Amino acid sequence: MQVQTGKGTISMMVVLAIWSLSLAVDLPGLAVTPIEGQLRTIFSDATDFKIQLLTVLPNLVIIPFVLLSGKLSESKHKIAVITAGTVLYIAAGALSIFSGSLNMLILLSCLLGAGCGLILPFSTGLIADVFTGKYRMKQMGIISAIGNVALVVATFVVGFLAAKSWHLPFLVYLLPLLSLVLIPFLKKIPQSDYDQPAPAASDDSKTTTAQTTAIPAVDADGFSTKGQTVKGGFYIGRTVWLMLAYFFFVFATCIPCYYLPNMKWIDAESASTMTSVFYLAMFVIGLGLTPFMKMFRKTTFIVATGMIVAGFALFIFTHAFVPYVIGAALCGLGNGIAQPIFYTKATEVVTSDSKSTLSLAYLQVANYVAISLVPVIIGAASAIFGQKGSELFPFIFSGIATAVVFVFVIIRSRHFVFGMSKNYY
């Protein structure tokens, strides 16, 4: 079976190999969550800080390795980097299953983050290399859906395994074994897609570190490039605004998953259901992204942001199970629509396709920094506004902020970051 790429066709096995890279990129730290209580009992002399390191460290270690992987993507050794990351990930998972030391688990969590960081940019970067136009957008939606459904399924599996033994949840980190088996098919990606050389620098560009280069007044998607400065193959203004926008969307849509379990009237099962609905909504809309974009066209981003605002309104003004489930679904739908669009736009802030994976690496850094800063930002804001201990404050703060961004999205709907090109659908 052959799959259309916008440049021609490619084997379905190659596509499956690319998809497989998305299966495990959201899982670091997941195995520890259901066994934290058991770990405190087993390692009775361990501090809470040490236990928390098992979930925090992988996400922190991912950040520098994402940047390293993005930089290495400009070389001719992409498959070697993917293979190294996959082997590191699997090794960390396998050793964690048999580890009996908390210090060793902490060390292995760092190894896991390193492996995940090396793989992560290529889960979207290979899509950017192989596909173009509406085919690229469709594939970005699919890999987003794959990552989210893998997270939902893995969460349930980990909970089941944790009831059997505290060692077993680490089995979930062996998912990249599938990627390892399929990696040889990545060699069948056309060399012209893999090794797209950056354009040679002109004499002028060698003598300046930053400048406005001679670029078209509008790009291929019809967005203005007026006043854009190009440095290192990146449109600087577009890159900064795109990362800030993605940072905010990740931050805002993390709030339900972080803070719903803190509400006294919500039990653990209800909070788990709401979180699952959030990720399932992202999965569903990821698979159906192209039809959705065809329906709403240039207002797609406006609709997505509006859904998130509506979700927060339900969290703030209603206090019942069903409205909260609907709110989680709306936030998931909004994020599930926005995420693949951000991925696609990250491939358009560069002047050469050879920089696409590096650009996606920068975007992933914004993602992990946002996730890491959620409790910091909410804690600081609650202290400033005198709302420490308030269960609703995270939702009120984020809801108001998202409503402000919603207005900004409407105003900027014809500009690059929030604009929708017909080439996307």
Protein backbone atom coordinates (compact mmCIF):
# COMPACT_ATOMS: atom_id res chain seq x y z
CA MET A 1 0.00 0.00 0.00
CA GLN A 2 1.26 3.44 -0.95
CA VAL A 3 0.52 6.71 0.88
CA GLN A 4 0.37 10.13 -0.79
CA THR A 5 2.96 12.62 0.50
CA GLY A 6 2.30 15.66 -1.68
CA LYS A 7 5.56 14.91 -3.48
CA GLY A 8 4.65 11.41 -4.62
CA THR A 9 3.95 8.21 -2.73
CA ILE A 10 5.67 6.25 0.01
CA SER A 11 5.27 2.74 1.44
CA MET A 12 2.79 2.26 4.29
CA MET A 13 5.52 0.46 6.25
CA VAL A 14 7.61 3.63 6.18
CA VAL A 15 4.63 5.62 7.47
CA LEU A 16 4.08 3.06 10.26
CA ALA A 17 7.75 3.39 11.22
CA ILE A 18 7.33 7.17 11.49
CA TRP A 19 4.08 6.82 13.44
CA SER A 20 5.71 4.40 15.89
CA LEU A 21 8.05 7.15 17.12
CA SER A 22 5.03 8.94 18.63
CA LEU A 23 3.93 5.99 20.77
CA ALA A 24 6.18 6.57 23.74
CA VAL A 25 7.23 10.23 23.65
CA ASP A 26 4.58 11.30 26.20
CA LEU A 27 5.17 8.44 28.66
CA PRO A 28 8.25 9.40 30.75
CA GLY A 29 7.21 9.61 34.41
CA LEU A 30 3.91 7.81 33.78
CA ALA A 31 5.00 4.51 35.35
CA VAL A 32 5.82 6.19 38.66
CA THR A 33 2.53 8.03 39.28
CA PRO A 34 0.42 5.02 40.42
CA ILE A 35 3.19 3.54 42.59
CA GLU A 36 4.32 6.67 44.48
CA GLY A 37 2.58 5.44 47.64
CA GLN A 38 4.20 2.01 47.34
CA LEU A 39 7.63 3.57 46.78
CA ARG A 40 7.28 5.63 49.97
CA THR A 41 6.58 2.41 51.87
CA ILE A 42 9.29 0.33 50.18
CA PHE A 43 11.93 3.05 50.47
CA SER A 44 10.84 4.32 53.89
CA ASP A 45 13.96 6.44 54.36
CA ALA A 46 13.40 8.32 51.06
CA THR A 47 12.27 11.93 51.13
CA ASP A 48 9.24 13.19 49.18
CA PHE A 49 11.68 15.19 47.06
CA LYS A 50 13.45 12.02 45.91
CA ILE A 51 10.15 10.36 44.99
CA GLN A 52 9.06 13.45 43.04
CA LEU A 53 12.35 13.45 41.12
CA LEU A 54 11.21 10.26 39.38
CA THR A 55 8.43 12.16 37.60
CA VAL A 56 10.09 15.58 37.32
CA LEU A 57 13.58 14.64 36.13
CA PRO A 58 12.62 12.91 32.84
CA ASN A 59 10.80 16.05 31.65
CA LEU A 60 13.72 18.29 32.64
CA VAL A 61 16.36 16.05 31.01
CA ILE A 62 14.27 15.87 27.84
CA ILE A 63 14.78 19.61 27.19
CA PRO A 64 18.56 19.67 26.51
CA PHE A 65 18.41 16.39 24.60
CA VAL A 66 15.59 17.70 22.41
CA LEU A 67 17.84 20.62 21.48
CA LEU A 68 20.79 18.28 20.89
CA SER A 69 18.63 16.04 18.71
CA GLY A 70 17.34 19.03 16.75
CA LYS A 71 20.89 20.15 16.05
CA LEU A 72 21.98 16.63 15.08
CA SER A 73 19.03 16.47 12.66
CA GLU A 74 20.96 18.81 10.37
CA SER A 75 23.57 16.09 9.87
CA LYS A 76 23.30 13.01 7.64
CA HIS A 77 22.89 10.71 10.61
CA LYS A 78 19.21 11.02 11.45
CA ILE A 79 18.58 7.27 11.65
CA ALA A 80 21.61 6.85 13.92
CA VAL A 81 20.24 9.50 16.32
CA ILE A 82 16.77 7.89 16.29
CA THR A 83 18.30 4.45 16.92
CA ALA A 84 20.47 5.73 19.78
CA GLY A 85 17.48 7.43 21.42
CA THR A 86 15.31 4.33 21.04
CA VAL A 87 17.98 2.04 22.52
CA LEU A 88 18.52 4.40 25.47
CA TYR A 89 14.76 4.55 26.11
CA ILE A 90 14.38 0.75 26.00
CA ALA A 91 17.47 0.19 28.16
CA ALA A 92 16.18 2.61 30.81
CA GLY A 93 12.79 0.89 30.83
CA ALA A 94 14.19 -2.63 31.00
CA LEU A 95 16.64 -1.83 33.80
CA SER A 96 13.92 -0.02 35.77
CA ILE A 97 11.84 -3.22 35.87
CA PHE A 98 14.59 -5.04 37.77
CA SER A 99 15.96 -2.14 39.81
CA GLY A 100 15.65 -2.35 43.59
CA SER A 101 17.28 0.96 44.43
CA LEU A 102 15.61 4.37 44.46
CA ASN A 103 18.85 6.09 43.48
CA MET A 104 19.17 3.74 40.53
CA LEU A 105 15.56 4.48 39.49
CA ILE A 106 16.34 8.21 39.59
CA LEU A 107 19.42 7.68 37.42
CA LEU A 108 17.42 5.54 34.98
CA SER A 109 14.70 8.21 34.81
CA CYS A 110 17.38 10.60 33.56
CA LEU A 111 18.45 8.03 30.95
CA LEU A 112 14.81 7.67 29.93
CA GLY A 113 14.49 11.43 29.48
CA ALA A 114 17.66 11.49 27.38
CA GLY A 115 16.38 8.74 25.09
CA CYS A 116 12.98 10.37 24.75
CA GLY A 117 14.57 13.75 24.02
CA LEU A 118 16.61 12.27 21.16
CA ILE A 119 13.53 10.66 19.59
CA LEU A 120 11.06 13.48 20.14
CA PRO A 121 11.95 15.98 17.36
CA PHE A 122 11.93 13.21 14.75
CA SER A 123 8.37 12.11 15.63
CA THR A 124 7.23 15.28 13.88
CA GLY A 125 10.42 16.12 11.97
CA LEU A 126 10.20 13.09 9.69
CA ILE A 127 6.62 14.08 8.85
CA ALA A 128 7.95 17.49 7.83
CA ASP A 129 10.68 15.85 5.73
CA VAL A 130 8.41 13.42 3.90
CA PHE A 131 5.04 15.17 3.57
CA THR A 132 3.98 18.58 2.32
CA GLY A 133 0.86 20.76 2.16
CA LYS A 134 -2.43 19.25 3.32
CA TYR A 135 -0.81 15.80 3.52
CA ARG A 136 1.62 17.13 6.12
CA MET A 137 -1.20 18.65 8.18
CA LYS A 138 -3.17 15.40 8.05
CA GLN A 139 -0.15 13.41 9.25
CA MET A 140 0.54 15.90 12.04
CA GLY A 141 -3.03 15.30 13.23
CA ILE A 142 -2.57 11.53 13.08
CA ILE A 143 0.68 11.45 15.08
CA SER A 144 -0.85 13.79 17.65
CA ALA A 145 -3.77 11.35 17.92
CA ILE A 146 -1.43 8.36 18.23
CA GLY A 147 0.53 10.00 21.06
CA ASN A 148 -2.64 10.85 22.96
CA VAL A 149 -4.35 7.48 22.64
CA ALA A 150 -1.09 5.77 23.65
CA LEU A 151 -1.07 7.94 26.77
CA VAL A 152 -4.68 7.03 27.65
CA VAL A 153 -4.18 3.30 27.10
CA ALA A 154 -0.84 3.29 28.91
CA THR A 155 -2.39 5.08 31.90
CA PHE A 156 -4.96 2.31 32.35
CA VAL A 157 -2.37 -0.44 31.74
CA VAL A 158 0.04 1.08 34.26
CA GLY A 159 -2.73 1.29 36.87
CA PHE A 160 -3.57 -2.38 36.31
CA LEU A 161 0.07 -3.49 36.48
CA ALA A 162 0.73 -1.43 39.61
CA ALA A 163 -1.86 -3.53 41.46
CA LYS A 164 0.21 -6.65 40.69
CA SER A 165 3.73 -5.42 41.49
CA TRP A 166 5.49 -2.08 41.72
CA HIS A 167 8.08 -3.30 39.20
CA LEU A 168 5.57 -4.05 36.42
CA PRO A 169 4.46 -0.50 35.46
CA PHE A 170 7.94 0.08 34.01
CA LEU A 171 7.02 -2.41 31.27
CA VAL A 172 5.25 0.48 29.54
CA TYR A 173 8.67 1.94 28.74
CA LEU A 174 9.33 -1.00 26.42
CA LEU A 175 6.87 0.35 23.82
CA PRO A 176 9.77 1.68 21.69
CA LEU A 177 10.67 -1.94 20.92
CA LEU A 178 8.13 -1.58 18.10
CA SER A 179 10.02 1.47 16.81
CA LEU A 180 13.30 -0.42 16.99
CA VAL A 181 11.86 -3.20 14.81
CA LEU A 182 10.52 -0.69 12.27
CA ILE A 183 13.55 1.65 12.11
CA PRO A 184 15.06 -0.20 9.07
CA PHE A 185 12.04 0.94 7.03
CA LEU A 186 13.07 4.57 7.63
CA LYS A 187 16.00 3.91 5.30
CA LYS A 188 13.46 3.70 2.49
CA ILE A 189 12.62 7.40 2.83
CA PRO A 190 13.91 9.06 -0.35
CA GLN A 191 17.37 10.52 0.16
CA SER A 192 16.13 13.80 -1.28
CA ASP A 193 13.73 14.06 1.69
CA TYR A 194 16.30 13.05 4.31
CA ASP A 195 19.22 15.22 3.26
CA GLN A 196 17.83 18.55 2.16
CA PRO A 197 20.86 20.83 2.18
CA ALA A 198 20.56 24.32 3.55
CA PRO A 199 21.17 27.02 0.96
CA ALA A 200 24.74 28.27 0.83
CA ALA A 201 25.29 31.50 2.73
CA SER A 202 25.96 34.59 0.66
CA ASP A 203 28.97 36.79 1.28
CA ASP A 204 26.69 39.40 2.87
CA SER A 205 25.19 36.89 5.30
CA LYS A 206 28.67 35.80 6.40
CA THR A 207 29.56 39.33 7.42
CA THR A 208 26.52 39.98 9.59
CA THR A 209 25.04 38.06 12.46
CA ALA A 210 21.47 39.24 11.97
CA GLN A 211 19.80 40.98 9.10
CA THR A 212 16.67 41.31 7.07
CA THR A 213 17.37 39.29 3.95
CA ALA A 214 15.79 39.67 0.58
CA ILE A 215 12.68 37.57 1.04
CA PRO A 216 9.33 37.52 -0.75
CA ALA A 217 6.65 39.94 0.46
CA VAL A 218 4.43 36.94 1.21
CA ASP A 219 5.28 33.29 1.80
CA ALA A 220 3.89 30.22 -0.02
CA ASP A 221 0.82 30.25 2.23
CA GLY A 222 0.04 33.91 1.57
CA PHE A 223 1.19 35.31 4.94
CA SER A 224 3.10 38.58 4.96
CA THR A 225 6.82 38.46 5.67
CA LYS A 226 7.14 42.23 5.94
CA GLY A 227 9.75 43.30 8.47
CA GLN A 228 10.87 39.73 9.23
CA THR A 229 14.50 39.30 10.24
CA VAL A 230 16.21 36.09 9.15
CA LYS A 231 19.02 34.63 11.25
CA GLY A 232 20.46 31.12 11.12
CA GLY A 233 17.78 30.05 8.65
CA PHE A 234 14.90 31.16 10.93
CA TYR A 235 12.36 33.95 10.67
CA ILE A 236 13.08 35.34 14.13
CA GLY A 237 9.78 37.14 14.75
CA ARG A 238 7.65 34.22 13.60
CA THR A 239 9.68 31.74 15.65
CA VAL A 240 9.41 33.74 18.87
CA TRP A 241 5.67 34.37 18.55
CA LEU A 242 4.97 30.77 17.57
CA MET A 243 6.84 29.44 20.61
CA LEU A 244 5.08 31.90 22.93
CA ALA A 245 1.68 30.95 21.51
CA TYR A 246 2.40 27.22 21.85
CA PHE A 247 3.73 27.76 25.38
CA PHE A 248 0.45 29.41 26.35
CA PHE A 249 -1.80 26.77 24.76
CA VAL A 250 0.15 23.96 26.47
CA PHE A 251 0.08 25.81 29.80
CA ALA A 252 -3.66 26.54 29.63
CA THR A 253 -4.75 23.06 28.59
CA CYS A 254 -2.54 21.43 31.26
CA ILE A 255 -4.61 23.09 34.00
CA PRO A 256 -7.49 20.56 34.04
CA CYS A 257 -5.13 17.57 34.26
CA TYR A 258 -3.07 19.23 37.01
CA TYR A 259 -5.81 20.69 39.19
CA LEU A 260 -9.02 18.68 38.78
CA PRO A 261 -7.71 16.01 41.22
CA ASN A 262 -7.24 18.77 43.83
CA MET A 263 -10.94 19.56 44.03
CA LYS A 264 -12.38 18.10 47.23
CA TRP A 265 -15.71 17.09 45.69
CA ILE A 266 -14.03 15.14 42.86
CA ASP A 267 -12.88 11.63 43.74
CA ALA A 268 -9.89 9.94 42.13
CA GLU A 269 -12.03 7.89 39.73
CA SER A 270 -13.92 10.97 38.48
CA ALA A 271 -10.68 12.92 38.00
CA SER A 272 -9.21 9.99 36.07
CA THR A 273 -12.31 9.86 33.86
CA MET A 274 -12.07 13.58 33.09
CA THR A 275 -8.38 13.30 32.24
CA SER A 276 -9.06 10.33 29.97
CA VAL A 277 -11.84 12.25 28.22
CA PHE A 278 -9.42 15.14 27.66
CA TYR A 279 -6.89 12.91 25.88
CA LEU A 280 -9.53 10.91 24.03
CA ALA A 281 -10.96 14.16 22.65
CA MET A 282 -7.47 15.07 21.41
CA PHE A 283 -7.21 11.62 19.81
CA VAL A 284 -10.57 11.85 18.02
CA ILE A 285 -10.03 15.34 16.63
CA GLY A 286 -6.47 14.44 15.59
CA LEU A 287 -7.81 11.70 13.34
CA GLY A 288 -10.57 13.95 11.97
CA LEU A 289 -8.53 17.14 11.68
CA THR A 290 -8.73 17.52 7.90
CA PRO A 291 -12.56 17.35 7.68
CA PHE A 292 -12.80 19.75 10.63
CA MET A 293 -10.47 22.23 8.94
CA LYS A 294 -12.40 21.96 5.69
CA MET A 295 -15.54 22.85 7.61
CA PHE A 296 -14.20 25.88 9.49
CA ARG A 297 -11.39 26.92 7.14
CA LYS A 298 -9.90 30.30 8.13
CA THR A 299 -11.77 30.33 11.46
CA THR A 300 -10.30 27.00 12.61
CA PHE A 301 -7.96 28.54 15.20
CA ILE A 302 -10.71 30.84 16.45
CA VAL A 303 -13.04 27.87 16.95
CA ALA A 304 -10.31 25.85 18.69
CA THR A 305 -9.55 28.68 21.14
CA GLY A 306 -13.26 29.27 21.68
CA MET A 307 -13.67 25.62 22.69
CA ILE A 308 -10.99 25.99 25.35
CA VAL A 309 -12.64 29.17 26.70
CA ALA A 310 -15.99 27.34 26.84
CA GLY A 311 -14.35 24.44 28.68
CA PHE A 312 -12.95 26.77 31.34
CA ALA A 313 -16.35 28.45 31.67
CA LEU A 314 -17.87 25.07 32.56
CA PHE A 315 -15.15 24.44 35.14
CA ILE A 316 -15.68 27.87 36.72
CA PHE A 317 -19.47 28.23 36.69
CA THR A 318 -20.69 24.65 37.13
CA HIS A 319 -19.77 22.13 39.80
CA ALA A 320 -21.13 18.84 38.55
CA PHE A 321 -19.62 15.73 37.01
CA VAL A 322 -21.21 15.88 33.54
CA PRO A 323 -20.42 19.57 32.82
CA TYR A 324 -16.85 18.96 33.97
CA VAL A 325 -16.51 15.99 31.60
CA ILE A 326 -17.83 18.21 28.78
CA GLY A 327 -15.36 20.92 29.83
CA ALA A 328 -12.49 18.43 29.69
CA ALA A 329 -13.65 17.29 26.25
CA LEU A 330 -13.82 20.88 24.95
CA CYS A 331 -10.31 21.65 26.22
CA GLY A 332 -9.07 18.42 24.65
CA LEU A 333 -10.72 19.22 21.33
CA GLY A 334 -9.30 22.75 21.28
CA ASN A 335 -5.80 21.54 22.10
CA GLY A 336 -6.08 18.62 19.67
CA ILE A 337 -6.89 21.05 16.84
CA ALA A 338 -4.21 23.59 17.74
CA GLN A 339 -1.33 21.17 18.34
CA PRO A 340 -0.92 19.81 14.76
CA ILE A 341 -1.33 23.34 13.38
CA PHE A 342 1.51 24.54 15.60
CA TYR A 343 3.62 21.59 14.44
CA THR A 344 2.99 22.46 10.80
CA LYS A 345 3.70 26.15 11.32
CA ALA A 346 6.99 25.26 13.01
CA THR A 347 8.14 23.88 9.65
CA GLU A 348 7.33 27.26 8.05
CA VAL A 349 9.41 29.55 10.26
CA VAL A 350 12.57 28.38 8.49
CA THR A 351 14.07 29.36 5.15
CA SER A 352 15.30 25.80 4.43
CA ASP A 353 13.59 22.45 4.95
CA SER A 354 16.84 21.17 6.47
CA LYS A 355 16.01 23.28 9.56
CA SER A 356 12.50 21.88 10.06
CA THR A 357 13.40 19.26 12.68
CA LEU A 358 15.45 21.81 14.64
CA SER A 359 12.48 24.18 14.56
CA LEU A 360 10.20 21.42 15.85
CA ALA A 361 12.76 20.77 18.60
CA TYR A 362 12.48 24.41 19.70
CA LEU A 363 8.70 24.01 19.76
CA GLN A 364 9.01 20.91 21.95
CA VAL A 365 11.20 22.87 24.34
CA ALA A 366 8.37 25.40 24.68
CA ASN A 367 6.06 22.44 25.39
CA TYR A 368 8.16 20.97 28.21
CA VAL A 369 9.00 24.34 29.74
CA ALA A 370 5.27 25.14 29.84
CA ILE A 371 4.47 21.80 31.50
CA SER A 372 7.23 22.32 34.06
CA LEU A 373 6.15 25.89 34.88
CA VAL A 374 2.43 25.23 35.39
CA PRO A 375 2.64 24.86 39.20
CA VAL A 376 5.19 27.72 39.41
CA ILE A 377 3.02 30.19 37.46
CA ILE A 378 -0.20 29.20 39.23
CA GLY A 379 1.53 29.30 42.64
CA ALA A 380 2.94 32.77 41.97
CA ALA A 381 -0.38 34.09 40.61
CA SER A 382 -2.36 32.69 43.55
CA ALA A 383 0.05 34.38 45.96
CA ILE A 384 -0.15 37.71 44.12
CA PHE A 385 -3.97 37.67 44.08
CA GLY A 386 -4.31 36.28 47.60
CA GLN A 387 -5.93 33.06 46.41
CA LYS A 388 -3.60 30.46 47.94
CA GLY A 389 -5.51 27.26 48.64
CA SER A 390 -8.38 28.17 46.29
CA GLU A 391 -9.49 25.14 44.26
CA LEU A 392 -11.05 27.27 41.53
CA PHE A 393 -8.33 29.89 41.15
CA PRO A 394 -6.21 27.93 38.59
CA PHE A 395 -9.29 27.65 36.36
CA ILE A 396 -10.34 31.29 36.83
CA PHE A 397 -6.82 32.58 36.14
CA SER A 398 -6.31 30.38 33.07
CA GLY A 399 -9.87 30.93 31.82
CA ILE A 400 -9.49 34.71 31.89
CA ALA A 401 -6.07 34.49 30.24
CA THR A 402 -7.47 32.22 27.50
CA ALA A 403 -10.39 34.61 26.92
CA VAL A 404 -7.89 37.44 26.39
CA VAL A 405 -5.90 35.27 23.98
CA PHE A 406 -9.17 34.38 22.20
CA VAL A 407 -9.68 38.07 21.39
CA PHE A 408 -6.06 38.28 20.23
CA VAL A 409 -6.57 35.22 17.98
CA ILE A 410 -9.55 36.92 16.32
CA ILE A 411 -7.58 40.13 15.77
CA ARG A 412 -4.56 38.23 14.38
CA SER A 413 -6.51 35.63 12.40
CA ARG A 414 -5.03 36.84 9.10
CA HIS A 415 -1.44 36.76 10.33
CA PHE A 416 1.02 33.88 10.42
CA VAL A 417 0.70 32.36 13.90
CA PHE A 418 -3.10 32.15 14.04
CA GLY A 419 -3.88 32.41 10.33
CA MET A 420 -5.11 29.43 8.32
CA SER A 421 -3.90 28.82 4.78
CA LYS A 422 -6.03 26.89 2.30
CA ASN A 423 -2.89 24.81 1.68
CA TYR A 424 -3.52 23.20 5.09
CA TYR A 425 -6.77 21.55 4.06
